[in-house]
ModelCIF file with pLDDT and N, C-alpha, C, O atoms, coordinates in Angstrom:
data_MODEL
#
_entry.id   MODEL 
#
_entity.id                         1 
_entity.type                       polymer 
_entity.pdbx_number_of_molecules   1 
#
_entity_poly.entity_id                      1 
_entity_poly.type                           'polypeptide(L)' 
_entity_poly.nstd_linkage                   no 
_entity_poly.nstd_monomer                   no 
_entity_poly.pdbx_seq_one_letter_code       
;(UNK)(UNK)(UNK)(UNK)(UNK)(UNK)(UNK)(UNK)(UNK)(UNK)(UNK)(UNK)(UNK)(UNK)(UNK)(UNK)
(UNK)(UNK)(UNK)(UNK)(UNK)(UNK)(UNK)(UNK)(UNK)(UNK)(UNK)(UNK)(UNK)(UNK)(UNK)(UNK)
(UNK)(UNK)(UNK)(UNK)(UNK)(UNK)(UNK)(UNK)(UNK)(UNK)(UNK)(UNK)(UNK)(UNK)(UNK)(UNK)
;
_entity_poly.pdbx_seq_one_letter_code_can   XXXXXXXXXXXXXXXXXXXXXXXXXXXXXXXXXXXXXXXXXXXXXXXX 
_entity_poly.pdbx_strand_id                 A 
#
loop_
_entity_poly_seq.entity_id 
_entity_poly_seq.num 
_entity_poly_seq.mon_id 
_entity_poly_seq.hetero 
1 1  UNK n 
1 2  UNK n 
1 3  UNK n 
1 4  UNK n 
1 5  UNK n 
1 6  UNK n 
1 7  UNK n 
1 8  UNK n 
1 9  UNK n 
1 10 UNK n 
1 11 UNK n 
1 12 UNK n 
1 13 UNK n 
1 14 UNK n 
1 15 UNK n 
1 16 UNK n 
1 17 UNK n 
1 18 UNK n 
1 19 UNK n 
1 20 UNK n 
1 21 UNK n 
1 22 UNK n 
1 23 UNK n 
1 24 UNK n 
1 25 UNK n 
1 26 UNK n 
1 27 UNK n 
1 28 UNK n 
1 29 UNK n 
1 30 UNK n 
1 31 UNK n 
1 32 UNK n 
1 33 UNK n 
1 34 UNK n 
1 35 UNK n 
1 36 UNK n 
1 37 UNK n 
1 38 UNK n 
1 39 UNK n 
1 40 UNK n 
1 41 UNK n 
1 42 UNK n 
1 43 UNK n 
1 44 UNK n 
1 45 UNK n 
1 46 UNK n 
1 47 UNK n 
1 48 UNK n 
#
_struct_asym.id          A 
_struct_asym.entity_id   1 
#
loop_
_ma_qa_metric.id 
_ma_qa_metric.mode 
_ma_qa_metric.name 
_ma_qa_metric.software_group_id 
_ma_qa_metric.type 
1 global pLDDT . pLDDT 
2 local  pLDDT . pLDDT 
#
_ma_qa_metric_global.metric_id      1 
_ma_qa_metric_global.metric_value   92.08 
_ma_qa_metric_global.model_id       1 
_ma_qa_metric_global.ordinal_id     1 
#
loop_
_ma_qa_metric_local.label_asym_id 
_ma_qa_metric_local.label_comp_id 
_ma_qa_metric_local.label_seq_id 
_ma_qa_metric_local.metric_id 
_ma_qa_metric_local.metric_value 
_ma_qa_metric_local.model_id 
_ma_qa_metric_local.ordinal_id 
A UNK 1  2 88.00 1 1  
A UNK 2  2 87.00 1 2  
A UNK 3  2 89.00 1 3  
A UNK 4  2 91.00 1 4  
A UNK 5  2 90.00 1 5  
A UNK 6  2 93.00 1 6  
A UNK 7  2 93.00 1 7  
A UNK 8  2 93.00 1 8  
A UNK 9  2 94.00 1 9  
A UNK 10 2 94.00 1 10 
A UNK 11 2 94.00 1 11 
A UNK 12 2 95.00 1 12 
A UNK 13 2 96.00 1 13 
A UNK 14 2 96.00 1 14 
A UNK 15 2 95.00 1 15 
A UNK 16 2 96.00 1 16 
A UNK 17 2 97.00 1 17 
A UNK 18 2 96.00 1 18 
A UNK 19 2 95.00 1 19 
A UNK 20 2 97.00 1 20 
A UNK 21 2 98.00 1 21 
A UNK 22 2 97.00 1 22 
A UNK 23 2 97.00 1 23 
A UNK 24 2 96.00 1 24 
A UNK 25 2 94.00 1 25 
A UNK 26 2 94.00 1 26 
A UNK 27 2 92.00 1 27 
A UNK 28 2 91.00 1 28 
A UNK 29 2 90.00 1 29 
A UNK 30 2 89.00 1 30 
A UNK 31 2 88.00 1 31 
A UNK 32 2 87.00 1 32 
A UNK 33 2 85.00 1 33 
A UNK 34 2 89.00 1 34 
A UNK 35 2 86.00 1 35 
A UNK 36 2 85.00 1 36 
A UNK 37 2 86.00 1 37 
A UNK 38 2 89.00 1 38 
A UNK 39 2 88.00 1 39 
A UNK 40 2 88.00 1 40 
A UNK 41 2 92.00 1 41 
A UNK 42 2 91.00 1 42 
A UNK 43 2 89.00 1 43 
A UNK 44 2 92.00 1 44 
A UNK 45 2 94.00 1 45 
A UNK 46 2 94.00 1 46 
A UNK 47 2 94.00 1 47 
A UNK 48 2 96.00 1 48 
#
loop_
_atom_site.group_PDB 
_atom_site.id 
_atom_site.type_symbol 
_atom_site.label_atom_id 
_atom_site.label_alt_id 
_atom_site.label_comp_id 
_atom_site.label_asym_id 
_atom_site.label_entity_id 
_atom_site.label_seq_id 
_atom_site.pdbx_PDB_ins_code 
_atom_site.Cartn_x 
_atom_site.Cartn_y 
_atom_site.Cartn_z 
_atom_site.occupancy 
_atom_site.B_iso_or_equiv 
_atom_site.pdbx_formal_charge 
_atom_site.auth_seq_id 
_atom_site.auth_comp_id 
_atom_site.auth_asym_id 
_atom_site.auth_atom_id 
_atom_site.pdbx_PDB_model_num 
ATOM 1   N N  . UNK A 1 1  ? 48.285 20.262 41.305 1.00 88.00 ? 1  UNK A N  1 
ATOM 2   C CA . UNK A 1 1  ? 49.700 19.354 41.959 1.00 88.00 ? 1  UNK A CA 1 
ATOM 3   C C  . UNK A 1 1  ? 49.288 17.769 41.238 1.00 88.00 ? 1  UNK A C  1 
ATOM 4   O O  . UNK A 1 1  ? 50.019 16.795 41.059 1.00 88.00 ? 1  UNK A O  1 
ATOM 5   N N  . UNK A 1 2  ? 47.912 17.951 40.939 1.00 87.00 ? 2  UNK A N  1 
ATOM 6   C CA . UNK A 1 2  ? 47.243 16.379 41.403 1.00 87.00 ? 2  UNK A CA 1 
ATOM 7   C C  . UNK A 1 2  ? 47.430 15.651 40.066 1.00 87.00 ? 2  UNK A C  1 
ATOM 8   O O  . UNK A 1 2  ? 47.740 14.470 39.911 1.00 87.00 ? 2  UNK A O  1 
ATOM 9   N N  . UNK A 1 3  ? 47.117 16.832 38.872 1.00 89.00 ? 3  UNK A N  1 
ATOM 10  C CA . UNK A 1 3  ? 47.800 16.717 37.462 1.00 89.00 ? 3  UNK A CA 1 
ATOM 11  C C  . UNK A 1 3  ? 49.078 16.346 36.868 1.00 89.00 ? 3  UNK A C  1 
ATOM 12  O O  . UNK A 1 3  ? 49.427 15.355 36.225 1.00 89.00 ? 3  UNK A O  1 
ATOM 13  N N  . UNK A 1 4  ? 49.857 17.696 37.360 1.00 91.00 ? 4  UNK A N  1 
ATOM 14  C CA . UNK A 1 4  ? 51.136 17.606 37.008 1.00 91.00 ? 4  UNK A CA 1 
ATOM 15  C C  . UNK A 1 4  ? 51.911 17.349 38.779 1.00 91.00 ? 4  UNK A C  1 
ATOM 16  O O  . UNK A 1 4  ? 51.956 18.192 39.676 1.00 91.00 ? 4  UNK A O  1 
ATOM 17  N N  . UNK A 1 5  ? 52.213 16.528 38.799 1.00 90.00 ? 5  UNK A N  1 
ATOM 18  C CA . UNK A 1 5  ? 52.225 16.220 40.029 1.00 90.00 ? 5  UNK A CA 1 
ATOM 19  C C  . UNK A 1 5  ? 54.255 16.376 39.980 1.00 90.00 ? 5  UNK A C  1 
ATOM 20  O O  . UNK A 1 5  ? 55.082 16.666 40.845 1.00 90.00 ? 5  UNK A O  1 
ATOM 21  N N  . UNK A 1 6  ? 54.377 15.936 38.218 1.00 93.00 ? 6  UNK A N  1 
ATOM 22  C CA . UNK A 1 6  ? 56.336 16.207 38.135 1.00 93.00 ? 6  UNK A CA 1 
ATOM 23  C C  . UNK A 1 6  ? 56.733 17.688 38.228 1.00 93.00 ? 6  UNK A C  1 
ATOM 24  O O  . UNK A 1 6  ? 57.736 18.127 38.789 1.00 93.00 ? 6  UNK A O  1 
ATOM 25  N N  . UNK A 1 7  ? 55.398 18.668 37.328 1.00 93.00 ? 7  UNK A N  1 
ATOM 26  C CA . UNK A 1 7  ? 56.259 19.534 37.617 1.00 93.00 ? 7  UNK A CA 1 
ATOM 27  C C  . UNK A 1 7  ? 55.746 20.883 38.671 1.00 93.00 ? 7  UNK A C  1 
ATOM 28  O O  . UNK A 1 7  ? 55.997 22.087 38.713 1.00 93.00 ? 7  UNK A O  1 
ATOM 29  N N  . UNK A 1 8  ? 54.848 19.876 39.506 1.00 93.00 ? 8  UNK A N  1 
ATOM 30  C CA . UNK A 1 8  ? 54.873 20.860 41.176 1.00 93.00 ? 8  UNK A CA 1 
ATOM 31  C C  . UNK A 1 8  ? 56.302 20.042 41.689 1.00 93.00 ? 8  UNK A C  1 
ATOM 32  O O  . UNK A 1 8  ? 57.192 20.803 42.069 1.00 93.00 ? 8  UNK A O  1 
ATOM 33  N N  . UNK A 1 9  ? 56.570 18.764 41.730 1.00 94.00 ? 9  UNK A N  1 
ATOM 34  C CA . UNK A 1 9  ? 57.695 18.256 42.010 1.00 94.00 ? 9  UNK A CA 1 
ATOM 35  C C  . UNK A 1 9  ? 58.918 19.396 42.124 1.00 94.00 ? 9  UNK A C  1 
ATOM 36  O O  . UNK A 1 9  ? 59.352 19.970 43.123 1.00 94.00 ? 9  UNK A O  1 
ATOM 37  N N  . UNK A 1 10 ? 59.196 19.473 41.113 1.00 94.00 ? 10 UNK A N  1 
ATOM 38  C CA . UNK A 1 10 ? 60.433 20.199 40.202 1.00 94.00 ? 10 UNK A CA 1 
ATOM 39  C C  . UNK A 1 10 ? 60.064 21.799 40.918 1.00 94.00 ? 10 UNK A C  1 
ATOM 40  O O  . UNK A 1 10 ? 61.029 22.432 41.345 1.00 94.00 ? 10 UNK A O  1 
ATOM 41  N N  . UNK A 1 11 ? 58.831 22.348 41.019 1.00 94.00 ? 11 UNK A N  1 
ATOM 42  C CA . UNK A 1 11 ? 58.893 23.650 41.338 1.00 94.00 ? 11 UNK A CA 1 
ATOM 43  C C  . UNK A 1 11 ? 59.127 23.260 42.983 1.00 94.00 ? 11 UNK A C  1 
ATOM 44  O O  . UNK A 1 11 ? 59.868 24.154 43.391 1.00 94.00 ? 11 UNK A O  1 
ATOM 45  N N  . UNK A 1 12 ? 58.938 22.662 43.709 1.00 95.00 ? 12 UNK A N  1 
ATOM 46  C CA . UNK A 1 12 ? 59.361 22.070 45.123 1.00 95.00 ? 12 UNK A CA 1 
ATOM 47  C C  . UNK A 1 12 ? 60.498 23.041 44.964 1.00 95.00 ? 12 UNK A C  1 
ATOM 48  O O  . UNK A 1 12 ? 60.576 24.247 45.197 1.00 95.00 ? 12 UNK A O  1 
ATOM 49  N N  . UNK A 1 13 ? 61.673 21.842 44.328 1.00 96.00 ? 13 UNK A N  1 
ATOM 50  C CA . UNK A 1 13 ? 62.821 21.390 44.444 1.00 96.00 ? 13 UNK A CA 1 
ATOM 51  C C  . UNK A 1 13 ? 63.621 22.423 43.917 1.00 96.00 ? 13 UNK A C  1 
ATOM 52  O O  . UNK A 1 13 ? 64.823 22.509 44.171 1.00 96.00 ? 13 UNK A O  1 
ATOM 53  N N  . UNK A 1 14 ? 62.814 23.463 42.961 1.00 96.00 ? 14 UNK A N  1 
ATOM 54  C CA . UNK A 1 14 ? 63.837 24.407 42.538 1.00 96.00 ? 14 UNK A CA 1 
ATOM 55  C C  . UNK A 1 14 ? 63.365 25.959 43.637 1.00 96.00 ? 14 UNK A C  1 
ATOM 56  O O  . UNK A 1 14 ? 64.048 26.982 43.601 1.00 96.00 ? 14 UNK A O  1 
ATOM 57  N N  . UNK A 1 15 ? 61.978 25.804 44.623 1.00 95.00 ? 15 UNK A N  1 
ATOM 58  C CA . UNK A 1 15 ? 62.598 26.734 45.328 1.00 95.00 ? 15 UNK A CA 1 
ATOM 59  C C  . UNK A 1 15 ? 62.888 26.338 46.619 1.00 95.00 ? 15 UNK A C  1 
ATOM 60  O O  . UNK A 1 15 ? 62.498 26.968 47.602 1.00 95.00 ? 15 UNK A O  1 
ATOM 61  N N  . UNK A 1 16 ? 63.829 24.905 46.696 1.00 96.00 ? 16 UNK A N  1 
ATOM 62  C CA . UNK A 1 16 ? 64.546 24.412 47.674 1.00 96.00 ? 16 UNK A CA 1 
ATOM 63  C C  . UNK A 1 16 ? 65.579 25.195 47.727 1.00 96.00 ? 16 UNK A C  1 
ATOM 64  O O  . UNK A 1 16 ? 66.134 25.927 48.546 1.00 96.00 ? 16 UNK A O  1 
ATOM 65  N N  . UNK A 1 17 ? 65.756 24.699 46.138 1.00 97.00 ? 17 UNK A N  1 
ATOM 66  C CA . UNK A 1 17 ? 67.580 25.185 45.129 1.00 97.00 ? 17 UNK A CA 1 
ATOM 67  C C  . UNK A 1 17 ? 67.832 26.551 45.460 1.00 97.00 ? 17 UNK A C  1 
ATOM 68  O O  . UNK A 1 17 ? 68.827 26.840 46.124 1.00 97.00 ? 17 UNK A O  1 
ATOM 69  N N  . UNK A 1 18 ? 66.807 27.656 44.953 1.00 96.00 ? 18 UNK A N  1 
ATOM 70  C CA . UNK A 1 18 ? 66.630 28.678 44.454 1.00 96.00 ? 18 UNK A CA 1 
ATOM 71  C C  . UNK A 1 18 ? 67.243 29.436 45.630 1.00 96.00 ? 18 UNK A C  1 
ATOM 72  O O  . UNK A 1 18 ? 68.365 29.936 45.709 1.00 96.00 ? 18 UNK A O  1 
ATOM 73  N N  . UNK A 1 19 ? 65.847 29.397 46.896 1.00 95.00 ? 19 UNK A N  1 
ATOM 74  C CA . UNK A 1 19 ? 66.100 30.330 48.294 1.00 95.00 ? 19 UNK A CA 1 
ATOM 75  C C  . UNK A 1 19 ? 66.167 29.639 49.121 1.00 95.00 ? 19 UNK A C  1 
ATOM 76  O O  . UNK A 1 19 ? 65.990 30.174 50.215 1.00 95.00 ? 19 UNK A O  1 
ATOM 77  N N  . UNK A 1 20 ? 66.465 28.001 49.138 1.00 97.00 ? 20 UNK A N  1 
ATOM 78  C CA . UNK A 1 20 ? 66.714 27.646 50.664 1.00 97.00 ? 20 UNK A CA 1 
ATOM 79  C C  . UNK A 1 20 ? 65.910 27.161 51.168 1.00 97.00 ? 20 UNK A C  1 
ATOM 80  O O  . UNK A 1 20 ? 66.317 26.254 51.894 1.00 97.00 ? 20 UNK A O  1 
ATOM 81  N N  . UNK A 1 21 ? 64.311 27.365 51.175 1.00 98.00 ? 21 UNK A N  1 
ATOM 82  C CA . UNK A 1 21 ? 63.086 27.162 52.169 1.00 98.00 ? 21 UNK A CA 1 
ATOM 83  C C  . UNK A 1 21 ? 62.549 25.700 51.968 1.00 98.00 ? 21 UNK A C  1 
ATOM 84  O O  . UNK A 1 21 ? 62.861 25.091 50.945 1.00 98.00 ? 21 UNK A O  1 
ATOM 85  N N  . UNK A 1 22 ? 61.825 25.180 52.832 1.00 97.00 ? 22 UNK A N  1 
ATOM 86  C CA . UNK A 1 22 ? 61.731 24.316 52.972 1.00 97.00 ? 22 UNK A CA 1 
ATOM 87  C C  . UNK A 1 22 ? 59.565 23.789 52.296 1.00 97.00 ? 22 UNK A C  1 
ATOM 88  O O  . UNK A 1 22 ? 58.641 23.632 53.093 1.00 97.00 ? 22 UNK A O  1 
ATOM 89  N N  . UNK A 1 23 ? 59.481 23.706 51.292 1.00 97.00 ? 23 UNK A N  1 
ATOM 90  C CA . UNK A 1 23 ? 58.051 24.061 50.869 1.00 97.00 ? 23 UNK A CA 1 
ATOM 91  C C  . UNK A 1 23 ? 56.960 22.527 51.882 1.00 97.00 ? 23 UNK A C  1 
ATOM 92  O O  . UNK A 1 23 ? 57.232 21.326 51.892 1.00 97.00 ? 23 UNK A O  1 
ATOM 93  N N  . UNK A 1 24 ? 56.370 22.885 52.231 1.00 96.00 ? 24 UNK A N  1 
ATOM 94  C CA . UNK A 1 24 ? 55.622 21.919 52.489 1.00 96.00 ? 24 UNK A CA 1 
ATOM 95  C C  . UNK A 1 24 ? 53.847 21.971 51.682 1.00 96.00 ? 24 UNK A C  1 
ATOM 96  O O  . UNK A 1 24 ? 53.080 22.934 51.675 1.00 96.00 ? 24 UNK A O  1 
ATOM 97  N N  . UNK A 1 25 ? 53.692 21.002 51.259 1.00 94.00 ? 25 UNK A N  1 
ATOM 98  C CA . UNK A 1 25 ? 52.109 20.184 50.685 1.00 94.00 ? 25 UNK A CA 1 
ATOM 99  C C  . UNK A 1 25 ? 51.259 20.737 51.773 1.00 94.00 ? 25 UNK A C  1 
ATOM 100 O O  . UNK A 1 25 ? 51.659 20.907 52.925 1.00 94.00 ? 25 UNK A O  1 
ATOM 101 N N  . UNK A 1 26 ? 50.133 20.992 51.368 1.00 94.00 ? 26 UNK A N  1 
ATOM 102 C CA . UNK A 1 26 ? 49.097 21.420 52.203 1.00 94.00 ? 26 UNK A CA 1 
ATOM 103 C C  . UNK A 1 26 ? 48.215 20.087 52.359 1.00 94.00 ? 26 UNK A C  1 
ATOM 104 O O  . UNK A 1 26 ? 48.202 19.284 51.426 1.00 94.00 ? 26 UNK A O  1 
ATOM 105 N N  . UNK A 1 27 ? 47.720 19.923 53.146 1.00 92.00 ? 27 UNK A N  1 
ATOM 106 C CA . UNK A 1 27 ? 46.774 18.826 53.186 1.00 92.00 ? 27 UNK A CA 1 
ATOM 107 C C  . UNK A 1 27 ? 45.433 17.959 52.007 1.00 92.00 ? 27 UNK A C  1 
ATOM 108 O O  . UNK A 1 27 ? 44.978 16.832 51.815 1.00 92.00 ? 27 UNK A O  1 
ATOM 109 N N  . UNK A 1 28 ? 45.262 19.378 51.475 1.00 91.00 ? 28 UNK A N  1 
ATOM 110 C CA . UNK A 1 28 ? 44.515 19.284 50.597 1.00 91.00 ? 28 UNK A CA 1 
ATOM 111 C C  . UNK A 1 28 ? 45.089 19.261 48.986 1.00 91.00 ? 28 UNK A C  1 
ATOM 112 O O  . UNK A 1 28 ? 44.434 18.884 48.014 1.00 91.00 ? 28 UNK A O  1 
ATOM 113 N N  . UNK A 1 29 ? 46.634 19.819 48.973 1.00 90.00 ? 29 UNK A N  1 
ATOM 114 C CA . UNK A 1 29 ? 47.089 20.410 47.814 1.00 90.00 ? 29 UNK A CA 1 
ATOM 115 C C  . UNK A 1 29 ? 46.698 19.536 46.566 1.00 90.00 ? 29 UNK A C  1 
ATOM 116 O O  . UNK A 1 29 ? 46.276 20.032 45.521 1.00 90.00 ? 29 UNK A O  1 
ATOM 117 N N  . UNK A 1 30 ? 46.904 17.984 46.801 1.00 89.00 ? 30 UNK A N  1 
ATOM 118 C CA . UNK A 1 30 ? 46.518 16.662 45.492 1.00 89.00 ? 30 UNK A CA 1 
ATOM 119 C C  . UNK A 1 30 ? 45.755 16.161 45.377 1.00 89.00 ? 30 UNK A C  1 
ATOM 120 O O  . UNK A 1 30 ? 45.663 15.076 44.805 1.00 89.00 ? 30 UNK A O  1 
ATOM 121 N N  . UNK A 1 31 ? 44.314 17.242 46.264 1.00 88.00 ? 31 UNK A N  1 
ATOM 122 C CA . UNK A 1 31 ? 43.199 16.590 45.617 1.00 88.00 ? 31 UNK A CA 1 
ATOM 123 C C  . UNK A 1 31 ? 42.802 16.127 44.226 1.00 88.00 ? 31 UNK A C  1 
ATOM 124 O O  . UNK A 1 31 ? 43.747 16.231 43.444 1.00 88.00 ? 31 UNK A O  1 
ATOM 125 N N  . UNK A 1 32 ? 41.377 15.513 43.527 1.00 87.00 ? 32 UNK A N  1 
ATOM 126 C CA . UNK A 1 32 ? 41.153 15.317 42.662 1.00 87.00 ? 32 UNK A CA 1 
ATOM 127 C C  . UNK A 1 32 ? 40.589 16.936 41.985 1.00 87.00 ? 32 UNK A C  1 
ATOM 128 O O  . UNK A 1 32 ? 40.291 17.854 42.749 1.00 87.00 ? 32 UNK A O  1 
ATOM 129 N N  . UNK A 1 33 ? 40.514 17.075 40.469 1.00 85.00 ? 33 UNK A N  1 
ATOM 130 C CA . UNK A 1 33 ? 40.281 17.971 40.284 1.00 85.00 ? 33 UNK A CA 1 
ATOM 131 C C  . UNK A 1 33 ? 38.448 18.021 40.683 1.00 85.00 ? 33 UNK A C  1 
ATOM 132 O O  . UNK A 1 33 ? 37.895 19.048 41.076 1.00 85.00 ? 33 UNK A O  1 
ATOM 133 N N  . UNK A 1 34 ? 37.833 16.874 40.502 1.00 89.00 ? 34 UNK A N  1 
ATOM 134 C CA . UNK A 1 34 ? 36.517 16.933 41.138 1.00 89.00 ? 34 UNK A CA 1 
ATOM 135 C C  . UNK A 1 34 ? 36.215 17.408 42.437 1.00 89.00 ? 34 UNK A C  1 
ATOM 136 O O  . UNK A 1 34 ? 35.849 18.493 42.888 1.00 89.00 ? 34 UNK A O  1 
ATOM 137 N N  . UNK A 1 35 ? 36.484 16.234 42.939 1.00 86.00 ? 35 UNK A N  1 
ATOM 138 C CA . UNK A 1 35 ? 36.647 17.089 45.170 1.00 86.00 ? 35 UNK A CA 1 
ATOM 139 C C  . UNK A 1 35 ? 37.104 18.681 45.147 1.00 86.00 ? 35 UNK A C  1 
ATOM 140 O O  . UNK A 1 35 ? 36.711 19.504 45.974 1.00 86.00 ? 35 UNK A O  1 
ATOM 141 N N  . UNK A 1 36 ? 37.947 18.948 44.121 1.00 85.00 ? 36 UNK A N  1 
ATOM 142 C CA . UNK A 1 36 ? 38.233 20.440 44.587 1.00 85.00 ? 36 UNK A CA 1 
ATOM 143 C C  . UNK A 1 36 ? 36.635 21.559 44.104 1.00 85.00 ? 36 UNK A C  1 
ATOM 144 O O  . UNK A 1 36 ? 36.084 22.466 44.727 1.00 85.00 ? 36 UNK A O  1 
ATOM 145 N N  . UNK A 1 37 ? 36.257 20.760 42.372 1.00 86.00 ? 37 UNK A N  1 
ATOM 146 C CA . UNK A 1 37 ? 35.309 21.720 42.453 1.00 86.00 ? 37 UNK A CA 1 
ATOM 147 C C  . UNK A 1 37 ? 34.190 20.904 43.791 1.00 86.00 ? 37 UNK A C  1 
ATOM 148 O O  . UNK A 1 37 ? 33.947 21.574 44.795 1.00 86.00 ? 37 UNK A O  1 
ATOM 149 N N  . UNK A 1 38 ? 33.845 20.077 43.717 1.00 89.00 ? 38 UNK A N  1 
ATOM 150 C CA . UNK A 1 38 ? 32.807 19.943 44.363 1.00 89.00 ? 38 UNK A CA 1 
ATOM 151 C C  . UNK A 1 38 ? 32.845 20.014 46.161 1.00 89.00 ? 38 UNK A C  1 
ATOM 152 O O  . UNK A 1 38 ? 31.891 19.711 46.877 1.00 89.00 ? 38 UNK A O  1 
ATOM 153 N N  . UNK A 1 39 ? 34.123 20.465 46.618 1.00 88.00 ? 39 UNK A N  1 
ATOM 154 C CA . UNK A 1 39 ? 34.892 20.965 48.206 1.00 88.00 ? 39 UNK A CA 1 
ATOM 155 C C  . UNK A 1 39 ? 35.276 21.954 47.799 1.00 88.00 ? 39 UNK A C  1 
ATOM 156 O O  . UNK A 1 39 ? 36.447 21.790 47.456 1.00 88.00 ? 39 UNK A O  1 
ATOM 157 N N  . UNK A 1 40 ? 34.820 23.349 47.555 1.00 88.00 ? 40 UNK A N  1 
ATOM 158 C CA . UNK A 1 40 ? 35.939 24.497 47.939 1.00 88.00 ? 40 UNK A CA 1 
ATOM 159 C C  . UNK A 1 40 ? 36.308 24.877 49.410 1.00 88.00 ? 40 UNK A C  1 
ATOM 160 O O  . UNK A 1 40 ? 37.407 25.339 49.719 1.00 88.00 ? 40 UNK A O  1 
ATOM 161 N N  . UNK A 1 41 ? 35.326 24.648 50.255 1.00 92.00 ? 41 UNK A N  1 
ATOM 162 C CA . UNK A 1 41 ? 36.016 24.412 51.601 1.00 92.00 ? 41 UNK A CA 1 
ATOM 163 C C  . UNK A 1 41 ? 36.924 23.978 51.860 1.00 92.00 ? 41 UNK A C  1 
ATOM 164 O O  . UNK A 1 41 ? 37.554 24.395 52.832 1.00 92.00 ? 41 UNK A O  1 
ATOM 165 N N  . UNK A 1 42 ? 37.332 23.032 51.147 1.00 91.00 ? 42 UNK A N  1 
ATOM 166 C CA . UNK A 1 42 ? 39.070 21.646 51.749 1.00 91.00 ? 42 UNK A CA 1 
ATOM 167 C C  . UNK A 1 42 ? 40.141 22.869 50.806 1.00 91.00 ? 42 UNK A C  1 
ATOM 168 O O  . UNK A 1 42 ? 41.354 22.661 50.819 1.00 91.00 ? 42 UNK A O  1 
ATOM 169 N N  . UNK A 1 43 ? 39.637 23.994 50.096 1.00 89.00 ? 43 UNK A N  1 
ATOM 170 C CA . UNK A 1 43 ? 40.621 24.502 49.691 1.00 89.00 ? 43 UNK A CA 1 
ATOM 171 C C  . UNK A 1 43 ? 41.271 25.614 50.465 1.00 89.00 ? 43 UNK A C  1 
ATOM 172 O O  . UNK A 1 43 ? 42.482 25.829 50.532 1.00 89.00 ? 43 UNK A O  1 
ATOM 173 N N  . UNK A 1 44 ? 40.161 26.392 51.126 1.00 92.00 ? 44 UNK A N  1 
ATOM 174 C CA . UNK A 1 44 ? 40.347 27.488 51.590 1.00 92.00 ? 44 UNK A CA 1 
ATOM 175 C C  . UNK A 1 44 ? 40.887 27.069 53.026 1.00 92.00 ? 44 UNK A C  1 
ATOM 176 O O  . UNK A 1 44 ? 41.706 27.817 53.560 1.00 92.00 ? 44 UNK A O  1 
ATOM 177 N N  . UNK A 1 45 ? 40.438 25.816 53.734 1.00 94.00 ? 45 UNK A N  1 
ATOM 178 C CA . UNK A 1 45 ? 40.981 25.141 54.511 1.00 94.00 ? 45 UNK A CA 1 
ATOM 179 C C  . UNK A 1 45 ? 42.399 25.448 54.789 1.00 94.00 ? 45 UNK A C  1 
ATOM 180 O O  . UNK A 1 45 ? 42.984 26.075 55.673 1.00 94.00 ? 45 UNK A O  1 
ATOM 181 N N  . UNK A 1 46 ? 42.753 24.792 53.731 1.00 94.00 ? 46 UNK A N  1 
ATOM 182 C CA . UNK A 1 46 ? 44.408 25.005 53.648 1.00 94.00 ? 46 UNK A CA 1 
ATOM 183 C C  . UNK A 1 46 ? 44.914 26.278 53.522 1.00 94.00 ? 46 UNK A C  1 
ATOM 184 O O  . UNK A 1 46 ? 46.054 26.582 53.871 1.00 94.00 ? 46 UNK A O  1 
ATOM 185 N N  . UNK A 1 47 ? 44.220 26.936 53.102 1.00 94.00 ? 47 UNK A N  1 
ATOM 186 C CA . UNK A 1 47 ? 44.943 28.421 53.240 1.00 94.00 ? 47 UNK A CA 1 
ATOM 187 C C  . UNK A 1 47 ? 44.988 28.934 54.821 1.00 94.00 ? 47 UNK A C  1 
ATOM 188 O O  . UNK A 1 47 ? 45.919 29.577 55.306 1.00 94.00 ? 47 UNK A O  1 
ATOM 189 N N  . UNK A 1 48 ? 43.367 28.367 55.764 1.00 96.00 ? 48 UNK A N  1 
ATOM 190 C CA . UNK A 1 48 ? 43.282 29.353 56.890 1.00 96.00 ? 48 UNK A CA 1 
ATOM 191 C C  . UNK A 1 48 ? 44.695 28.828 57.696 1.00 96.00 ? 48 UNK A C  1 
ATOM 192 O O  . UNK A 1 48 ? 45.052 29.378 58.738 1.00 96.00 ? 48 UNK A O  1 
#
């Protein structure tokens, strides 16, 4: 989502339009690839 922000936004809009749900981005959804690689615990924290 950090790299392909427009595609991510389009996907969220499609979820809203097709299924009527409210997608929310978790805290670290948009972290940089470098930070994502160095801190996998942040990605795990989003899941938890």
